[in-house]
Amino acid sequence: MDIKNNLPSSNLLQGHRERLKERILKQDLSSFQDYEILEALLMYSIPRKDVKLIAKKLLAEFGSLGCVLCSKPDQLYRFKDVKENTAVLFKLIQAANSSILRRDLINQPILNDWNKIMDYCYVTIGREKKETFHVLFLDAKLHLVLDEKMAEGTINKVPIYPREIIQRALELGATSMVLIHNHPSGDARASEQDVAMTRQLRDIAKPLSIQVSDHIIISRNGATSFKDAGYI
């Protein structure tokens, strides 16, 4: 009796999933709502379950599709039926997105395309829950040599050691740097400490023919360029 009762529900679920797949293949995804995109992704990590409600709960909790996809495994595991497969899927999506954007920066002067830099910064650290400090090390042609995370801190501060950054630049043969860090609070304005540290790093780097080209603060509500703001 239980088996018979489960058959219609299973058939309905399979039919719904097939229709959603057909829509994805035939329609412009810009017309899809975020919960529909997330639902389609969850179909591949949570089989034999109606995942529409799960998708809506995740969006309600994290606030946006981007924040869901960038969430940590332990955050995801708080939701029933969200297990390791989903965490792996989301992490692969993050890695693929970051890799695609990083490749767009390679073999071209990255400072010539502000939008690509911003896209890369948002994907890399824009939704981190702790302050994280990265450096984009550039060569003489302003091509990206390496993006390296130099420090990770707390929700409102991160320890920066300018001499360690300079040493790494010398090891890589970099002649220019773009500093990047995030403000999880959502406020992208530079603090006095941010400005002071950047100027200290600039002053140490200058005699070594290394330029601090910019310092970018990323938040979920926007970004600040120290160069545009006149801080460096």
Protein backbone atom coordinates (compact mmCIF):
# COMPACT_ATOMS: atom_id res chain seq x y z
CA MET A 1 0.00 0.00 0.00
CA ASP A 2 2.82 2.42 0.87
CA ILE A 3 4.58 1.72 -2.43
CA LYS A 4 1.43 2.44 -4.43
CA ASN A 5 0.80 5.67 -2.55
CA ASN A 6 4.32 6.89 -3.29
CA LEU A 7 4.12 6.29 -7.05
CA PRO A 8 1.90 9.25 -8.03
CA SER A 9 3.99 11.64 -5.94
CA SER A 10 7.19 10.34 -7.55
CA ASN A 11 5.70 10.65 -11.01
CA LEU A 12 4.54 14.20 -10.35
CA LEU A 13 8.00 15.17 -9.07
CA GLN A 14 9.72 13.65 -12.09
CA GLY A 15 7.30 15.39 -14.42
CA HIS A 16 7.95 18.74 -12.73
CA ARG A 17 11.70 18.29 -13.03
CA GLU A 18 11.49 17.37 -16.69
CA ARG A 19 9.39 20.44 -17.42
CA LEU A 20 11.87 22.66 -15.60
CA LYS A 21 14.76 21.18 -17.60
CA GLU A 22 12.85 21.79 -20.81
CA ARG A 23 12.27 25.43 -19.85
CA ILE A 24 15.97 25.87 -19.09
CA LEU A 25 16.96 24.53 -22.49
CA LYS A 26 14.40 26.53 -24.45
CA GLN A 27 14.15 29.85 -22.60
CA ASP A 28 16.38 32.79 -21.77
CA LEU A 29 17.42 32.23 -18.15
CA SER A 30 17.23 35.96 -17.46
CA SER A 31 13.48 35.44 -17.21
CA PHE A 32 13.91 32.89 -14.40
CA GLN A 33 13.43 33.85 -10.79
CA ASP A 34 16.31 33.15 -8.40
CA TYR A 35 14.41 30.38 -6.63
CA GLU A 36 13.89 28.59 -9.96
CA ILE A 37 17.61 28.69 -10.78
CA LEU A 38 18.48 27.47 -7.29
CA GLU A 39 15.79 24.79 -7.49
CA ALA A 40 17.28 23.53 -10.76
CA LEU A 41 20.74 23.33 -9.19
CA LEU A 42 19.44 21.48 -6.15
CA MET A 43 17.80 18.88 -8.38
CA TYR A 44 21.29 17.56 -9.14
CA SER A 45 22.44 17.36 -5.52
CA ILE A 46 19.18 16.31 -3.82
CA PRO A 47 17.52 13.53 -5.83
CA ARG A 48 14.00 12.25 -5.28
CA LYS A 49 12.92 15.33 -3.28
CA ASP A 50 10.80 18.35 -4.09
CA VAL A 51 13.48 21.04 -3.68
CA LYS A 52 11.43 24.16 -4.49
CA LEU A 53 10.68 24.83 -0.81
CA ILE A 54 14.33 24.20 0.12
CA ALA A 55 15.43 26.73 -2.52
CA LYS A 56 13.03 29.35 -1.16
CA LYS A 57 14.16 28.74 2.44
CA LEU A 58 17.83 29.11 1.47
CA LEU A 59 17.13 32.39 -0.33
CA ALA A 60 15.14 33.68 2.65
CA GLU A 61 18.02 32.82 4.99
CA PHE A 62 20.95 34.14 2.95
CA GLY A 63 19.25 36.98 1.12
CA SER A 64 20.33 36.37 -2.48
CA LEU A 65 21.31 33.64 -4.91
CA GLY A 66 24.93 34.77 -4.82
CA CYS A 67 25.05 34.55 -1.02
CA VAL A 68 23.53 31.06 -1.10
CA LEU A 69 26.11 29.82 -3.60
CA CYS A 70 28.94 31.34 -1.54
CA SER A 71 27.72 29.94 1.78
CA LYS A 72 29.88 27.61 3.84
CA PRO A 73 29.07 23.90 4.30
CA ASP A 74 28.27 24.26 7.99
CA GLN A 75 25.77 27.01 7.15
CA LEU A 76 24.08 24.79 4.57
CA TYR A 77 23.91 21.75 6.80
CA ARG A 78 21.47 23.54 9.11
CA PHE A 79 18.78 22.88 6.50
CA LYS A 80 17.07 19.52 6.30
CA ASP A 81 18.07 17.44 3.25
CA VAL A 82 20.98 19.77 2.39
CA LYS A 83 24.03 17.55 2.65
CA GLU A 84 27.56 17.15 1.33
CA ASN A 85 26.52 16.86 -2.32
CA THR A 86 25.02 20.35 -2.25
CA ALA A 87 28.05 21.85 -0.49
CA VAL A 88 30.34 20.29 -3.10
CA LEU A 89 28.16 21.54 -5.97
CA PHE A 90 28.12 25.12 -4.64
CA LYS A 91 31.86 25.10 -4.02
CA LEU A 92 32.50 23.91 -7.58
CA ILE A 93 30.28 26.71 -8.92
CA GLN A 94 32.26 29.26 -6.89
CA ALA A 95 35.56 27.85 -8.16
CA ALA A 96 34.40 27.77 -11.79
CA ASN A 97 33.14 31.34 -11.64
CA SER A 98 36.34 32.59 -10.03
CA SER A 99 38.49 30.69 -12.54
CA ILE A 100 36.60 32.13 -15.51
CA LEU A 101 36.94 35.68 -14.21
CA ARG A 102 40.62 35.18 -13.35
CA ARG A 103 41.34 33.97 -16.87
CA ASP A 104 39.72 37.14 -18.20
CA LEU A 105 42.34 39.12 -16.26
CA ILE A 106 45.35 37.11 -17.45
CA ASN A 107 47.45 38.24 -20.43
CA GLN A 108 46.01 41.73 -20.55
CA PRO A 109 46.64 44.96 -18.60
CA ILE A 110 44.03 44.40 -15.90
CA LEU A 111 43.94 48.04 -14.80
CA ASN A 112 42.39 48.90 -18.17
CA ASP A 113 39.15 47.13 -17.33
CA TRP A 114 37.62 48.29 -14.06
CA ASN A 115 34.46 46.20 -14.51
CA LYS A 116 36.40 42.95 -14.82
CA ILE A 117 38.40 43.76 -11.70
CA MET A 118 35.20 44.51 -9.78
CA ASP A 119 33.50 41.33 -10.96
CA TYR A 120 36.52 39.28 -9.90
CA CYS A 121 36.72 41.00 -6.50
CA TYR A 122 33.04 40.46 -5.74
CA VAL A 123 33.23 36.77 -6.64
CA THR A 124 36.49 36.21 -4.77
CA ILE A 125 35.81 37.97 -1.45
CA GLY A 126 32.66 40.06 -1.77
CA ARG A 127 30.51 37.73 0.31
CA GLU A 128 33.04 36.54 2.87
CA LYS A 129 31.83 36.75 6.47
CA LYS A 130 35.27 37.75 7.77
CA GLU A 131 37.58 40.48 6.54
CA THR A 132 40.00 39.00 4.02
CA PHE A 133 42.98 40.71 2.42
CA HIS A 134 44.20 39.79 -1.07
CA VAL A 135 46.93 41.22 -3.27
CA LEU A 136 46.91 41.12 -7.06
CA PHE A 137 50.58 41.05 -8.01
CA LEU A 138 51.24 42.49 -11.48
CA ASP A 139 54.22 42.44 -13.83
CA ALA A 140 55.74 45.36 -15.76
CA LYS A 141 52.98 45.11 -18.40
CA LEU A 142 50.31 45.19 -15.67
CA HIS A 143 49.42 41.57 -16.36
CA LEU A 144 48.28 39.46 -13.41
CA VAL A 145 51.09 37.35 -11.97
CA LEU A 146 49.23 36.01 -8.94
CA ASP A 147 46.22 36.67 -6.74
CA GLU A 148 47.22 35.70 -3.22
CA LYS A 149 45.30 35.82 0.05
CA MET A 150 47.68 37.47 2.49
CA ALA A 151 45.54 37.54 5.62
CA GLU A 152 42.16 36.67 7.14
CA GLY A 153 40.76 38.35 10.21
CA THR A 154 37.50 38.84 12.06
CA ILE A 155 34.19 40.36 11.06
CA ASN A 156 35.57 43.91 11.29
CA LYS A 157 39.36 43.83 11.04
CA VAL A 158 42.22 41.98 9.41
CA PRO A 159 45.92 42.13 10.37
CA ILE A 160 48.16 43.43 7.56
CA TYR A 161 51.96 43.24 7.54
CA PRO A 162 53.35 45.51 4.79
CA ARG A 163 56.85 44.07 4.87
CA GLU A 164 55.53 40.54 4.21
CA ILE A 165 53.62 41.86 1.21
CA ILE A 166 56.72 43.59 -0.15
CA GLN A 167 58.79 40.45 0.36
CA ARG A 168 56.23 38.43 -1.60
CA ALA A 169 56.22 41.01 -4.40
CA LEU A 170 60.01 40.76 -4.66
CA GLU A 171 59.86 36.96 -4.75
CA LEU A 172 57.37 37.11 -7.63
CA GLY A 173 59.19 39.85 -9.51
CA ALA A 174 56.07 42.02 -9.35
CA THR A 175 56.36 45.70 -10.18
CA SER A 176 52.84 46.72 -9.23
CA MET A 177 50.13 45.65 -6.78
CA VAL A 178 46.40 46.05 -6.37
CA LEU A 179 45.31 45.57 -2.76
CA ILE A 180 41.85 44.15 -2.14
CA HIS A 181 39.93 43.57 1.05
CA ASN A 182 36.29 43.22 2.02
CA HIS A 183 34.03 44.84 4.60
CA PRO A 184 31.43 42.26 5.70
CA SER A 185 29.44 45.07 7.36
CA GLY A 186 28.36 46.30 3.93
CA ASP A 187 30.03 49.70 4.39
CA ALA A 188 32.72 50.10 1.71
CA ARG A 189 34.14 53.34 3.10
CA ALA A 190 37.83 53.34 4.01
CA SER A 191 38.78 53.70 7.66
CA GLU A 192 41.66 55.84 8.89
CA GLN A 193 43.58 52.62 9.55
CA ASP A 194 42.94 51.42 5.99
CA VAL A 195 44.32 54.65 4.55
CA ALA A 196 47.32 54.72 6.91
CA MET A 197 48.29 51.12 6.16
CA THR A 198 47.99 51.68 2.40
CA ARG A 199 50.20 54.76 2.50
CA GLN A 200 52.74 52.95 4.65
CA LEU A 201 52.87 50.10 2.15
CA ARG A 202 53.14 52.56 -0.74
CA ASP A 203 56.07 54.36 0.93
CA ILE A 204 57.93 51.10 1.62
CA ALA A 205 57.36 49.85 -1.94
CA LYS A 206 58.31 53.00 -3.83
CA PRO A 207 62.12 52.88 -3.29
CA LEU A 208 62.02 49.26 -4.51
CA SER A 209 60.32 50.29 -7.78
CA ILE A 210 57.07 48.59 -6.77
CA GLN A 211 53.90 50.61 -7.20
CA VAL A 212 50.71 50.32 -5.19
CA SER A 213 48.34 50.95 -8.09
CA ASP A 214 45.13 50.82 -6.08
CA HIS A 215 43.46 49.53 -2.95
CA ILE A 216 39.88 48.36 -3.41
CA ILE A 217 37.42 47.79 -0.59
CA ILE A 218 34.57 45.47 -1.54
CA SER A 219 31.25 45.15 0.27
CA ARG A 220 27.86 43.76 -0.62
CA ASN A 221 26.64 47.35 -1.08
CA GLY A 222 29.42 48.69 -3.27
CA ALA A 223 33.14 49.35 -3.55
CA THR A 224 35.73 52.05 -2.88
CA SER A 225 38.84 52.66 -4.99
CA PHE A 226 41.58 54.43 -3.05
CA LYS A 227 42.98 55.78 -6.31
CA ASP A 228 39.65 57.31 -7.34
CA ALA A 229 39.09 58.64 -3.82
CA GLY A 230 42.50 60.34 -3.82
CA TYR A 231 43.92 58.37 -0.89
CA ILE A 232 46.99 57.24 -2.88
